[in-house]
ModelCIF file with pLDDT and N, C-alpha, C, O atoms, coordinates in Angstrom:
data_MODEL
#
_entry.id   MODEL 
#
_entity.id                         1 
_entity.type                       polymer 
_entity.pdbx_number_of_molecules   1 
#
_entity_poly.entity_id                      1 
_entity_poly.type                           'polypeptide(L)' 
_entity_poly.nstd_linkage                   no 
_entity_poly.nstd_monomer                   no 
_entity_poly.pdbx_seq_one_letter_code       AVLAVALAAMSVAASAKGCIKGAIVGGAAGHYAHHHGVLGAAAGCVIG 
_entity_poly.pdbx_seq_one_letter_code_can   AVLAVALAAMSVAASAKGCIKGAIVGGAAGHYAHHHGVLGAAAGCVIG 
_entity_poly.pdbx_strand_id                 A 
#
loop_
_entity_poly_seq.entity_id 
_entity_poly_seq.num 
_entity_poly_seq.mon_id 
_entity_poly_seq.hetero 
1 1  ALA n 
1 2  VAL n 
1 3  LEU n 
1 4  ALA n 
1 5  VAL n 
1 6  ALA n 
1 7  LEU n 
1 8  ALA n 
1 9  ALA n 
1 10 MET n 
1 11 SER n 
1 12 VAL n 
1 13 ALA n 
1 14 ALA n 
1 15 SER n 
1 16 ALA n 
1 17 LYS n 
1 18 GLY n 
1 19 CYS n 
1 20 ILE n 
1 21 LYS n 
1 22 GLY n 
1 23 ALA n 
1 24 ILE n 
1 25 VAL n 
1 26 GLY n 
1 27 GLY n 
1 28 ALA n 
1 29 ALA n 
1 30 GLY n 
1 31 HIS n 
1 32 TYR n 
1 33 ALA n 
1 34 HIS n 
1 35 HIS n 
1 36 HIS n 
1 37 GLY n 
1 38 VAL n 
1 39 LEU n 
1 40 GLY n 
1 41 ALA n 
1 42 ALA n 
1 43 ALA n 
1 44 GLY n 
1 45 CYS n 
1 46 VAL n 
1 47 ILE n 
1 48 GLY n 
#
_struct_asym.id          A 
_struct_asym.entity_id   1 
#
loop_
_ma_qa_metric.id 
_ma_qa_metric.mode 
_ma_qa_metric.name 
_ma_qa_metric.software_group_id 
_ma_qa_metric.type 
1 global pLDDT . pLDDT 
2 local  pLDDT . pLDDT 
#
_ma_qa_metric_global.metric_id      1 
_ma_qa_metric_global.metric_value   81.48 
_ma_qa_metric_global.model_id       1 
_ma_qa_metric_global.ordinal_id     1 
#
loop_
_ma_qa_metric_local.label_asym_id 
_ma_qa_metric_local.label_comp_id 
_ma_qa_metric_local.label_seq_id 
_ma_qa_metric_local.metric_id 
_ma_qa_metric_local.metric_value 
_ma_qa_metric_local.model_id 
_ma_qa_metric_local.ordinal_id 
A ALA 1  2 74.00 1 1  
A VAL 2  2 74.00 1 2  
A LEU 3  2 72.00 1 3  
A ALA 4  2 73.00 1 4  
A VAL 5  2 72.00 1 5  
A ALA 6  2 73.00 1 6  
A LEU 7  2 68.00 1 7  
A ALA 8  2 66.00 1 8  
A ALA 9  2 66.00 1 9  
A MET 10 2 60.00 1 10 
A SER 11 2 49.00 1 11 
A VAL 12 2 50.00 1 12 
A ALA 13 2 52.00 1 13 
A ALA 14 2 53.00 1 14 
A SER 15 2 61.00 1 15 
A ALA 16 2 75.00 1 16 
A LYS 17 2 80.00 1 17 
A GLY 18 2 86.00 1 18 
A CYS 19 2 89.00 1 19 
A ILE 20 2 90.00 1 20 
A LYS 21 2 90.00 1 21 
A GLY 22 2 91.00 1 22 
A ALA 23 2 91.00 1 23 
A ILE 24 2 91.00 1 24 
A VAL 25 2 91.00 1 25 
A GLY 26 2 91.00 1 26 
A GLY 27 2 91.00 1 27 
A ALA 28 2 92.00 1 28 
A ALA 29 2 91.00 1 29 
A GLY 30 2 90.00 1 30 
A HIS 31 2 89.00 1 31 
A TYR 32 2 90.00 1 32 
A ALA 33 2 89.00 1 33 
A HIS 34 2 85.00 1 34 
A HIS 35 2 85.00 1 35 
A HIS 36 2 89.00 1 36 
A GLY 37 2 89.00 1 37 
A VAL 38 2 89.00 1 38 
A LEU 39 2 91.00 1 39 
A GLY 40 2 90.00 1 40 
A ALA 41 2 91.00 1 41 
A ALA 42 2 91.00 1 42 
A ALA 43 2 92.00 1 43 
A GLY 44 2 92.00 1 44 
A CYS 45 2 91.00 1 45 
A VAL 46 2 92.00 1 46 
A ILE 47 2 92.00 1 47 
A GLY 48 2 92.00 1 48 
#
loop_
_atom_site.group_PDB 
_atom_site.id 
_atom_site.type_symbol 
_atom_site.label_atom_id 
_atom_site.label_alt_id 
_atom_site.label_comp_id 
_atom_site.label_asym_id 
_atom_site.label_entity_id 
_atom_site.label_seq_id 
_atom_site.pdbx_PDB_ins_code 
_atom_site.Cartn_x 
_atom_site.Cartn_y 
_atom_site.Cartn_z 
_atom_site.occupancy 
_atom_site.B_iso_or_equiv 
_atom_site.pdbx_formal_charge 
_atom_site.auth_seq_id 
_atom_site.auth_comp_id 
_atom_site.auth_asym_id 
_atom_site.auth_atom_id 
_atom_site.pdbx_PDB_model_num 
ATOM 1   N N  . ALA A 1 1  ? 69.820 300.605 214.686 1.00 74.00 ? 1  ALA A N  1 
ATOM 2   C CA . ALA A 1 1  ? 70.236 299.906 213.473 1.00 74.00 ? 1  ALA A CA 1 
ATOM 3   C C  . ALA A 1 1  ? 69.790 298.448 213.491 1.00 74.00 ? 1  ALA A C  1 
ATOM 4   O O  . ALA A 1 1  ? 69.330 297.929 212.474 1.00 74.00 ? 1  ALA A O  1 
ATOM 5   N N  . VAL A 1 2  ? 69.922 297.787 214.633 1.00 74.00 ? 2  VAL A N  1 
ATOM 6   C CA . VAL A 1 2  ? 69.495 296.392 214.736 1.00 74.00 ? 2  VAL A CA 1 
ATOM 7   C C  . VAL A 1 2  ? 67.991 296.281 214.563 1.00 74.00 ? 2  VAL A C  1 
ATOM 8   O O  . VAL A 1 2  ? 67.514 295.381 213.871 1.00 74.00 ? 2  VAL A O  1 
ATOM 9   N N  . LEU A 1 3  ? 67.239 297.181 215.179 1.00 72.00 ? 3  LEU A N  1 
ATOM 10  C CA . LEU A 1 3  ? 65.788 297.156 215.033 1.00 72.00 ? 3  LEU A CA 1 
ATOM 11  C C  . LEU A 1 3  ? 65.363 297.449 213.601 1.00 72.00 ? 3  LEU A C  1 
ATOM 12  O O  . LEU A 1 3  ? 64.405 296.853 213.108 1.00 72.00 ? 3  LEU A O  1 
ATOM 13  N N  . ALA A 1 4  ? 66.054 298.347 212.935 1.00 73.00 ? 4  ALA A N  1 
ATOM 14  C CA . ALA A 1 4  ? 65.721 298.659 211.550 1.00 73.00 ? 4  ALA A CA 1 
ATOM 15  C C  . ALA A 1 4  ? 65.965 297.458 210.642 1.00 73.00 ? 4  ALA A C  1 
ATOM 16  O O  . ALA A 1 4  ? 65.166 297.183 209.746 1.00 73.00 ? 4  ALA A O  1 
ATOM 17  N N  . VAL A 1 5  ? 67.052 296.752 210.866 1.00 72.00 ? 5  VAL A N  1 
ATOM 18  C CA . VAL A 1 5  ? 67.342 295.557 210.066 1.00 72.00 ? 5  VAL A CA 1 
ATOM 19  C C  . VAL A 1 5  ? 66.311 294.472 210.350 1.00 72.00 ? 5  VAL A C  1 
ATOM 20  O O  . VAL A 1 5  ? 65.856 293.791 209.430 1.00 72.00 ? 5  VAL A O  1 
ATOM 21  N N  . ALA A 1 6  ? 65.937 294.307 211.623 1.00 73.00 ? 6  ALA A N  1 
ATOM 22  C CA . ALA A 1 6  ? 64.947 293.291 211.972 1.00 73.00 ? 6  ALA A CA 1 
ATOM 23  C C  . ALA A 1 6  ? 63.595 293.603 211.347 1.00 73.00 ? 6  ALA A C  1 
ATOM 24  O O  . ALA A 1 6  ? 62.917 292.701 210.856 1.00 73.00 ? 6  ALA A O  1 
ATOM 25  N N  . LEU A 1 7  ? 63.203 294.854 211.361 1.00 68.00 ? 7  LEU A N  1 
ATOM 26  C CA . LEU A 1 7  ? 61.930 295.234 210.757 1.00 68.00 ? 7  LEU A CA 1 
ATOM 27  C C  . LEU A 1 7  ? 61.971 295.125 209.233 1.00 68.00 ? 7  LEU A C  1 
ATOM 28  O O  . LEU A 1 7  ? 60.971 294.769 208.609 1.00 68.00 ? 7  LEU A O  1 
ATOM 29  N N  . ALA A 1 8  ? 63.104 295.424 208.644 1.00 66.00 ? 8  ALA A N  1 
ATOM 30  C CA . ALA A 1 8  ? 63.232 295.305 207.196 1.00 66.00 ? 8  ALA A CA 1 
ATOM 31  C C  . ALA A 1 8  ? 63.218 293.844 206.749 1.00 66.00 ? 8  ALA A C  1 
ATOM 32  O O  . ALA A 1 8  ? 62.837 293.543 205.617 1.00 66.00 ? 8  ALA A O  1 
ATOM 33  N N  . ALA A 1 9  ? 63.625 292.955 207.621 1.00 66.00 ? 9  ALA A N  1 
ATOM 34  C CA . ALA A 1 9  ? 63.645 291.537 207.274 1.00 66.00 ? 9  ALA A CA 1 
ATOM 35  C C  . ALA A 1 9  ? 62.243 290.948 207.158 1.00 66.00 ? 9  ALA A C  1 
ATOM 36  O O  . ALA A 1 9  ? 62.045 289.926 206.502 1.00 66.00 ? 9  ALA A O  1 
ATOM 37  N N  . MET A 1 10 ? 61.284 291.590 207.791 1.00 60.00 ? 10 MET A N  1 
ATOM 38  C CA . MET A 1 10 ? 59.896 291.133 207.687 1.00 60.00 ? 10 MET A CA 1 
ATOM 39  C C  . MET A 1 10 ? 59.314 291.620 206.367 1.00 60.00 ? 10 MET A C  1 
ATOM 40  O O  . MET A 1 10 ? 59.042 292.809 206.202 1.00 60.00 ? 10 MET A O  1 
ATOM 41  N N  . SER A 1 11 ? 59.128 290.709 205.443 1.00 49.00 ? 11 SER A N  1 
ATOM 42  C CA . SER A 1 11 ? 58.702 291.123 204.110 1.00 49.00 ? 11 SER A CA 1 
ATOM 43  C C  . SER A 1 11 ? 57.191 291.270 203.992 1.00 49.00 ? 11 SER A C  1 
ATOM 44  O O  . SER A 1 11 ? 56.720 292.021 203.138 1.00 49.00 ? 11 SER A O  1 
ATOM 45  N N  . VAL A 1 12 ? 56.433 290.587 204.809 1.00 50.00 ? 12 VAL A N  1 
ATOM 46  C CA . VAL A 1 12 ? 54.982 290.630 204.733 1.00 50.00 ? 12 VAL A CA 1 
ATOM 47  C C  . VAL A 1 12 ? 54.474 291.595 205.791 1.00 50.00 ? 12 VAL A C  1 
ATOM 48  O O  . VAL A 1 12 ? 54.856 291.493 206.957 1.00 50.00 ? 12 VAL A O  1 
ATOM 49  N N  . ALA A 1 13 ? 53.619 292.526 205.400 1.00 52.00 ? 13 ALA A N  1 
ATOM 50  C CA . ALA A 1 13 ? 53.120 293.533 206.331 1.00 52.00 ? 13 ALA A CA 1 
ATOM 51  C C  . ALA A 1 13 ? 52.258 292.919 207.422 1.00 52.00 ? 13 ALA A C  1 
ATOM 52  O O  . ALA A 1 13 ? 52.235 293.427 208.543 1.00 52.00 ? 13 ALA A O  1 
ATOM 53  N N  . ALA A 1 14 ? 51.551 291.842 207.120 1.00 53.00 ? 14 ALA A N  1 
ATOM 54  C CA . ALA A 1 14 ? 50.676 291.228 208.110 1.00 53.00 ? 14 ALA A CA 1 
ATOM 55  C C  . ALA A 1 14 ? 51.455 290.585 209.245 1.00 53.00 ? 14 ALA A C  1 
ATOM 56  O O  . ALA A 1 14 ? 50.917 290.436 210.343 1.00 53.00 ? 14 ALA A O  1 
ATOM 57  N N  . SER A 1 15 ? 52.693 290.204 209.017 1.00 61.00 ? 15 SER A N  1 
ATOM 58  C CA . SER A 1 15 ? 53.467 289.565 210.076 1.00 61.00 ? 15 SER A CA 1 
ATOM 59  C C  . SER A 1 15 ? 53.936 290.562 211.129 1.00 61.00 ? 15 SER A C  1 
ATOM 60  O O  . SER A 1 15 ? 54.399 290.158 212.195 1.00 61.00 ? 15 SER A O  1 
ATOM 61  N N  . ALA A 1 16 ? 53.824 291.842 210.850 1.00 75.00 ? 16 ALA A N  1 
ATOM 62  C CA . ALA A 1 16 ? 54.250 292.846 211.813 1.00 75.00 ? 16 ALA A CA 1 
ATOM 63  C C  . ALA A 1 16 ? 53.157 293.179 212.817 1.00 75.00 ? 16 ALA A C  1 
ATOM 64  O O  . ALA A 1 16 ? 53.386 293.936 213.761 1.00 75.00 ? 16 ALA A O  1 
ATOM 65  N N  . LYS A 1 17 ? 51.958 292.611 212.616 1.00 80.00 ? 17 LYS A N  1 
ATOM 66  C CA . LYS A 1 17 ? 50.859 292.923 213.514 1.00 80.00 ? 17 LYS A CA 1 
ATOM 67  C C  . LYS A 1 17 ? 51.193 292.412 214.914 1.00 80.00 ? 17 LYS A C  1 
ATOM 68  O O  . LYS A 1 17 ? 51.414 291.216 215.105 1.00 80.00 ? 17 LYS A O  1 
ATOM 69  N N  . GLY A 1 18 ? 51.230 293.297 215.870 1.00 86.00 ? 18 GLY A N  1 
ATOM 70  C CA . GLY A 1 18 ? 51.569 292.952 217.244 1.00 86.00 ? 18 GLY A CA 1 
ATOM 71  C C  . GLY A 1 18 ? 53.045 293.070 217.538 1.00 86.00 ? 18 GLY A C  1 
ATOM 72  O O  . GLY A 1 18 ? 53.431 293.239 218.695 1.00 86.00 ? 18 GLY A O  1 
ATOM 73  N N  . CYS A 1 19 ? 53.869 292.987 216.533 1.00 89.00 ? 19 CYS A N  1 
ATOM 74  C CA . CYS A 1 19 ? 55.317 293.009 216.736 1.00 89.00 ? 19 CYS A CA 1 
ATOM 75  C C  . CYS A 1 19 ? 55.815 294.402 217.118 1.00 89.00 ? 19 CYS A C  1 
ATOM 76  O O  . CYS A 1 19 ? 56.654 294.539 218.009 1.00 89.00 ? 19 CYS A O  1 
ATOM 77  N N  . ILE A 1 20 ? 55.315 295.411 216.464 1.00 90.00 ? 20 ILE A N  1 
ATOM 78  C CA . ILE A 1 20 ? 55.807 296.775 216.705 1.00 90.00 ? 20 ILE A CA 1 
ATOM 79  C C  . ILE A 1 20 ? 55.517 297.203 218.140 1.00 90.00 ? 20 ILE A C  1 
ATOM 80  O O  . ILE A 1 20 ? 56.404 297.682 218.847 1.00 90.00 ? 20 ILE A O  1 
ATOM 81  N N  . LYS A 1 21 ? 54.269 297.025 218.561 1.00 90.00 ? 21 LYS A N  1 
ATOM 82  C CA . LYS A 1 21 ? 53.900 297.411 219.923 1.00 90.00 ? 21 LYS A CA 1 
ATOM 83  C C  . LYS A 1 21 ? 54.686 296.596 220.942 1.00 90.00 ? 21 LYS A C  1 
ATOM 84  O O  . LYS A 1 21 ? 55.167 297.141 221.935 1.00 90.00 ? 21 LYS A O  1 
ATOM 85  N N  . GLY A 1 22 ? 54.817 295.299 220.703 1.00 91.00 ? 22 GLY A N  1 
ATOM 86  C CA . GLY A 1 22 ? 55.569 294.441 221.612 1.00 91.00 ? 22 GLY A CA 1 
ATOM 87  C C  . GLY A 1 22 ? 57.037 294.815 221.676 1.00 91.00 ? 22 GLY A C  1 
ATOM 88  O O  . GLY A 1 22 ? 57.650 294.764 222.743 1.00 91.00 ? 22 GLY A O  1 
ATOM 89  N N  . ALA A 1 23 ? 57.603 295.191 220.538 1.00 91.00 ? 23 ALA A N  1 
ATOM 90  C CA . ALA A 1 23 ? 59.011 295.576 220.503 1.00 91.00 ? 23 ALA A CA 1 
ATOM 91  C C  . ALA A 1 23 ? 59.246 296.876 221.267 1.00 91.00 ? 23 ALA A C  1 
ATOM 92  O O  . ALA A 1 23 ? 60.265 297.030 221.939 1.00 91.00 ? 23 ALA A O  1 
ATOM 93  N N  . ILE A 1 24 ? 58.313 297.800 221.165 1.00 91.00 ? 24 ILE A N  1 
ATOM 94  C CA . ILE A 1 24 ? 58.462 299.069 221.885 1.00 91.00 ? 24 ILE A CA 1 
ATOM 95  C C  . ILE A 1 24 ? 58.397 298.825 223.388 1.00 91.00 ? 24 ILE A C  1 
ATOM 96  O O  . ILE A 1 24 ? 59.246 299.309 224.137 1.00 91.00 ? 24 ILE A O  1 
ATOM 97  N N  . VAL A 1 25 ? 57.394 298.080 223.825 1.00 91.00 ? 25 VAL A N  1 
ATOM 98  C CA . VAL A 1 25 ? 57.238 297.802 225.253 1.00 91.00 ? 25 VAL A CA 1 
ATOM 99  C C  . VAL A 1 25 ? 58.399 296.951 225.756 1.00 91.00 ? 25 VAL A C  1 
ATOM 100 O O  . VAL A 1 25 ? 58.955 297.230 226.819 1.00 91.00 ? 25 VAL A O  1 
ATOM 101 N N  . GLY A 1 26 ? 58.769 295.920 225.006 1.00 91.00 ? 26 GLY A N  1 
ATOM 102 C CA . GLY A 1 26 ? 59.875 295.050 225.413 1.00 91.00 ? 26 GLY A CA 1 
ATOM 103 C C  . GLY A 1 26 ? 61.208 295.774 225.437 1.00 91.00 ? 26 GLY A C  1 
ATOM 104 O O  . GLY A 1 26 ? 62.036 295.531 226.316 1.00 91.00 ? 26 GLY A O  1 
ATOM 105 N N  . GLY A 1 27 ? 61.420 296.661 224.478 1.00 91.00 ? 27 GLY A N  1 
ATOM 106 C CA . GLY A 1 27 ? 62.663 297.428 224.452 1.00 91.00 ? 27 GLY A CA 1 
ATOM 107 C C  . GLY A 1 27 ? 62.776 298.366 225.637 1.00 91.00 ? 27 GLY A C  1 
ATOM 108 O O  . GLY A 1 27 ? 63.850 298.512 226.220 1.00 91.00 ? 27 GLY A O  1 
ATOM 109 N N  . ALA A 1 28 ? 61.670 299.003 225.997 1.00 92.00 ? 28 ALA A N  1 
ATOM 110 C CA . ALA A 1 28 ? 61.682 299.891 227.163 1.00 92.00 ? 28 ALA A CA 1 
ATOM 111 C C  . ALA A 1 28 ? 61.913 299.096 228.443 1.00 92.00 ? 28 ALA A C  1 
ATOM 112 O O  . ALA A 1 28 ? 62.691 299.506 229.305 1.00 92.00 ? 28 ALA A O  1 
ATOM 113 N N  . ALA A 1 29 ? 61.231 297.953 228.565 1.00 91.00 ? 29 ALA A N  1 
ATOM 114 C CA . ALA A 1 29 ? 61.417 297.120 229.756 1.00 91.00 ? 29 ALA A CA 1 
ATOM 115 C C  . ALA A 1 29 ? 62.842 296.571 229.812 1.00 91.00 ? 29 ALA A C  1 
ATOM 116 O O  . ALA A 1 29 ? 63.448 296.534 230.883 1.00 91.00 ? 29 ALA A O  1 
ATOM 117 N N  . GLY A 1 30 ? 63.374 296.151 228.679 1.00 90.00 ? 30 GLY A N  1 
ATOM 118 C CA . GLY A 1 30 ? 64.736 295.637 228.636 1.00 90.00 ? 30 GLY A CA 1 
ATOM 119 C C  . GLY A 1 30 ? 65.771 296.701 228.952 1.00 90.00 ? 30 GLY A C  1 
ATOM 120 O O  . GLY A 1 30 ? 66.805 296.414 229.556 1.00 90.00 ? 30 GLY A O  1 
ATOM 121 N N  . HIS A 1 31 ? 65.489 297.928 228.542 1.00 89.00 ? 31 HIS A N  1 
ATOM 122 C CA . HIS A 1 31 ? 66.411 299.033 228.829 1.00 89.00 ? 31 HIS A CA 1 
ATOM 123 C C  . HIS A 1 31 ? 66.527 299.253 230.333 1.00 89.00 ? 31 HIS A C  1 
ATOM 124 O O  . HIS A 1 31 ? 67.621 299.477 230.851 1.00 89.00 ? 31 HIS A O  1 
ATOM 125 N N  . TYR A 1 32 ? 65.410 299.189 231.022 1.00 90.00 ? 32 TYR A N  1 
ATOM 126 C CA . TYR A 1 32 ? 65.437 299.393 232.465 1.00 90.00 ? 32 TYR A CA 1 
ATOM 127 C C  . TYR A 1 32 ? 65.918 298.160 233.216 1.00 90.00 ? 32 TYR A C  1 
ATOM 128 O O  . TYR A 1 32 ? 66.262 298.259 234.394 1.00 90.00 ? 32 TYR A O  1 
ATOM 129 N N  . ALA A 1 33 ? 65.950 297.011 232.570 1.00 89.00 ? 33 ALA A N  1 
ATOM 130 C CA . ALA A 1 33 ? 66.461 295.791 233.193 1.00 89.00 ? 33 ALA A CA 1 
ATOM 131 C C  . ALA A 1 33 ? 67.910 295.596 232.768 1.00 89.00 ? 33 ALA A C  1 
ATOM 132 O O  . ALA A 1 33 ? 68.215 294.708 231.972 1.00 89.00 ? 33 ALA A O  1 
ATOM 133 N N  . HIS A 1 34 ? 68.780 296.406 233.287 1.00 85.00 ? 34 HIS A N  1 
ATOM 134 C CA . HIS A 1 34 ? 70.226 296.312 233.073 1.00 85.00 ? 34 HIS A CA 1 
ATOM 135 C C  . HIS A 1 34 ? 70.634 296.488 231.616 1.00 85.00 ? 34 HIS A C  1 
ATOM 136 O O  . HIS A 1 34 ? 71.514 295.776 231.131 1.00 85.00 ? 34 HIS A O  1 
ATOM 137 N N  . HIS A 1 35 ? 70.021 297.408 230.926 1.00 85.00 ? 35 HIS A N  1 
ATOM 138 C CA . HIS A 1 35 ? 70.406 297.820 229.568 1.00 85.00 ? 35 HIS A CA 1 
ATOM 139 C C  . HIS A 1 35 ? 70.383 296.682 228.553 1.00 85.00 ? 35 HIS A C  1 
ATOM 140 O O  . HIS A 1 35 ? 71.329 296.522 227.781 1.00 85.00 ? 35 HIS A O  1 
ATOM 141 N N  . HIS A 1 36 ? 69.312 295.892 228.548 1.00 89.00 ? 36 HIS A N  1 
ATOM 142 C CA . HIS A 1 36 ? 69.125 294.831 227.567 1.00 89.00 ? 36 HIS A CA 1 
ATOM 143 C C  . HIS A 1 36 ? 67.964 295.194 226.647 1.00 89.00 ? 36 HIS A C  1 
ATOM 144 O O  . HIS A 1 36 ? 67.023 294.417 226.484 1.00 89.00 ? 36 HIS A O  1 
ATOM 145 N N  . GLY A 1 37 ? 68.038 296.380 226.048 1.00 89.00 ? 37 GLY A N  1 
ATOM 146 C CA . GLY A 1 37 ? 66.953 296.877 225.216 1.00 89.00 ? 37 GLY A CA 1 
ATOM 147 C C  . GLY A 1 37 ? 66.725 296.067 223.953 1.00 89.00 ? 37 GLY A C  1 
ATOM 148 O O  . GLY A 1 37 ? 65.580 295.820 223.575 1.00 89.00 ? 37 GLY A O  1 
ATOM 149 N N  . VAL A 1 38 ? 67.790 295.652 223.299 1.00 89.00 ? 38 VAL A N  1 
ATOM 150 C CA . VAL A 1 38 ? 67.650 294.892 222.049 1.00 89.00 ? 38 VAL A CA 1 
ATOM 151 C C  . VAL A 1 38 ? 67.048 293.521 222.331 1.00 89.00 ? 38 VAL A C  1 
ATOM 152 O O  . VAL A 1 38 ? 66.171 293.058 221.603 1.00 89.00 ? 38 VAL A O  1 
ATOM 153 N N  . LEU A 1 39 ? 67.520 292.884 223.379 1.00 91.00 ? 39 LEU A N  1 
ATOM 154 C CA . LEU A 1 39 ? 66.978 291.585 223.760 1.00 91.00 ? 39 LEU A CA 1 
ATOM 155 C C  . LEU A 1 39 ? 65.508 291.714 224.155 1.00 91.00 ? 39 LEU A C  1 
ATOM 156 O O  . LEU A 1 39 ? 64.693 290.861 223.804 1.00 91.00 ? 39 LEU A O  1 
ATOM 157 N N  . GLY A 1 40 ? 65.171 292.769 224.878 1.00 90.00 ? 40 GLY A N  1 
ATOM 158 C CA . GLY A 1 40 ? 63.781 293.004 225.260 1.00 90.00 ? 40 GLY A CA 1 
ATOM 159 C C  . GLY A 1 40 ? 62.904 293.291 224.064 1.00 90.00 ? 40 GLY A C  1 
ATOM 160 O O  . GLY A 1 40 ? 61.758 292.845 224.014 1.00 90.00 ? 40 GLY A O  1 
ATOM 161 N N  . ALA A 1 41 ? 63.429 294.035 223.091 1.00 91.00 ? 41 ALA A N  1 
ATOM 162 C CA . ALA A 1 41 ? 62.662 294.333 221.883 1.00 91.00 ? 41 ALA A CA 1 
ATOM 163 C C  . ALA A 1 41 ? 62.407 293.079 221.064 1.00 91.00 ? 41 ALA A C  1 
ATOM 164 O O  . ALA A 1 41 ? 61.316 292.900 220.523 1.00 91.00 ? 41 ALA A O  1 
ATOM 165 N N  . ALA A 1 42 ? 63.395 292.220 220.969 1.00 91.00 ? 42 ALA A N  1 
ATOM 166 C CA . ALA A 1 42 ? 63.209 290.969 220.224 1.00 91.00 ? 42 ALA A CA 1 
ATOM 167 C C  . ALA A 1 42 ? 62.186 290.071 220.909 1.00 91.00 ? 42 ALA A C  1 
ATOM 168 O O  . ALA A 1 42 ? 61.311 289.505 220.254 1.00 91.00 ? 42 ALA A O  1 
ATOM 169 N N  . ALA A 1 43 ? 62.298 289.945 222.217 1.00 92.00 ? 43 ALA A N  1 
ATOM 170 C CA . ALA A 1 43 ? 61.335 289.124 222.959 1.00 92.00 ? 43 ALA A CA 1 
ATOM 171 C C  . ALA A 1 43 ? 59.947 289.743 222.906 1.00 92.00 ? 43 ALA A C  1 
ATOM 172 O O  . ALA A 1 43 ? 58.954 289.026 222.780 1.00 92.00 ? 43 ALA A O  1 
ATOM 173 N N  . GLY A 1 44 ? 59.865 291.059 223.000 1.00 92.00 ? 44 GLY A N  1 
ATOM 174 C CA . GLY A 1 44 ? 58.575 291.741 222.922 1.00 92.00 ? 44 GLY A CA 1 
ATOM 175 C C  . GLY A 1 44 ? 57.910 291.558 221.576 1.00 92.00 ? 44 GLY A C  1 
ATOM 176 O O  . GLY A 1 44 ? 56.687 291.439 221.495 1.00 92.00 ? 44 GLY A O  1 
ATOM 177 N N  . CYS A 1 45 ? 58.701 291.534 220.526 1.00 91.00 ? 45 CYS A N  1 
ATOM 178 C CA . CYS A 1 45 ? 58.167 291.309 219.186 1.00 91.00 ? 45 CYS A CA 1 
ATOM 179 C C  . CYS A 1 45 ? 57.565 289.913 219.077 1.00 91.00 ? 45 CYS A C  1 
ATOM 180 O O  . CYS A 1 45 ? 56.474 289.744 218.533 1.00 91.00 ? 45 CYS A O  1 
ATOM 181 N N  . VAL A 1 46 ? 58.266 288.927 219.589 1.00 92.00 ? 46 VAL A N  1 
ATOM 182 C CA . VAL A 1 46 ? 57.775 287.539 219.529 1.00 92.00 ? 46 VAL A CA 1 
ATOM 183 C C  . VAL A 1 46 ? 56.501 287.395 220.349 1.00 92.00 ? 46 VAL A C  1 
ATOM 184 O O  . VAL A 1 46 ? 55.535 286.780 219.897 1.00 92.00 ? 46 VAL A O  1 
ATOM 185 N N  . ILE A 1 47 ? 56.494 287.956 221.549 1.00 92.00 ? 47 ILE A N  1 
ATOM 186 C CA . ILE A 1 47 ? 55.318 287.849 222.416 1.00 92.00 ? 47 ILE A CA 1 
ATOM 187 C C  . ILE A 1 47 ? 54.143 288.623 221.836 1.00 92.00 ? 47 ILE A C  1 
ATOM 188 O O  . ILE A 1 47 ? 53.009 288.146 221.870 1.00 92.00 ? 47 ILE A O  1 
ATOM 189 N N  . GLY A 1 48 ? 54.405 289.820 221.303 1.00 92.00 ? 48 GLY A N  1 
ATOM 190 C CA . GLY A 1 48 ? 53.333 290.601 220.683 1.00 92.00 ? 48 GLY A CA 1 
ATOM 191 C C  . GLY A 1 48 ? 52.732 289.897 219.486 1.00 92.00 ? 48 GLY A C  1 
ATOM 192 O O  . GLY A 1 48 ? 51.817 290.424 218.854 1.00 92.00 ? 48 GLY A O  1 
#
């Protein structure tokens, strides 16, 4: 739900370039780092 709201908040399609892949990788890494998947997804989106 948090990821869906964050993605819906991005109104321009071009701003999502790199964000989706980064969020997936960051969310997976955050999940394995003591269950911080949402924080990892947010950081992954910014870095991507």
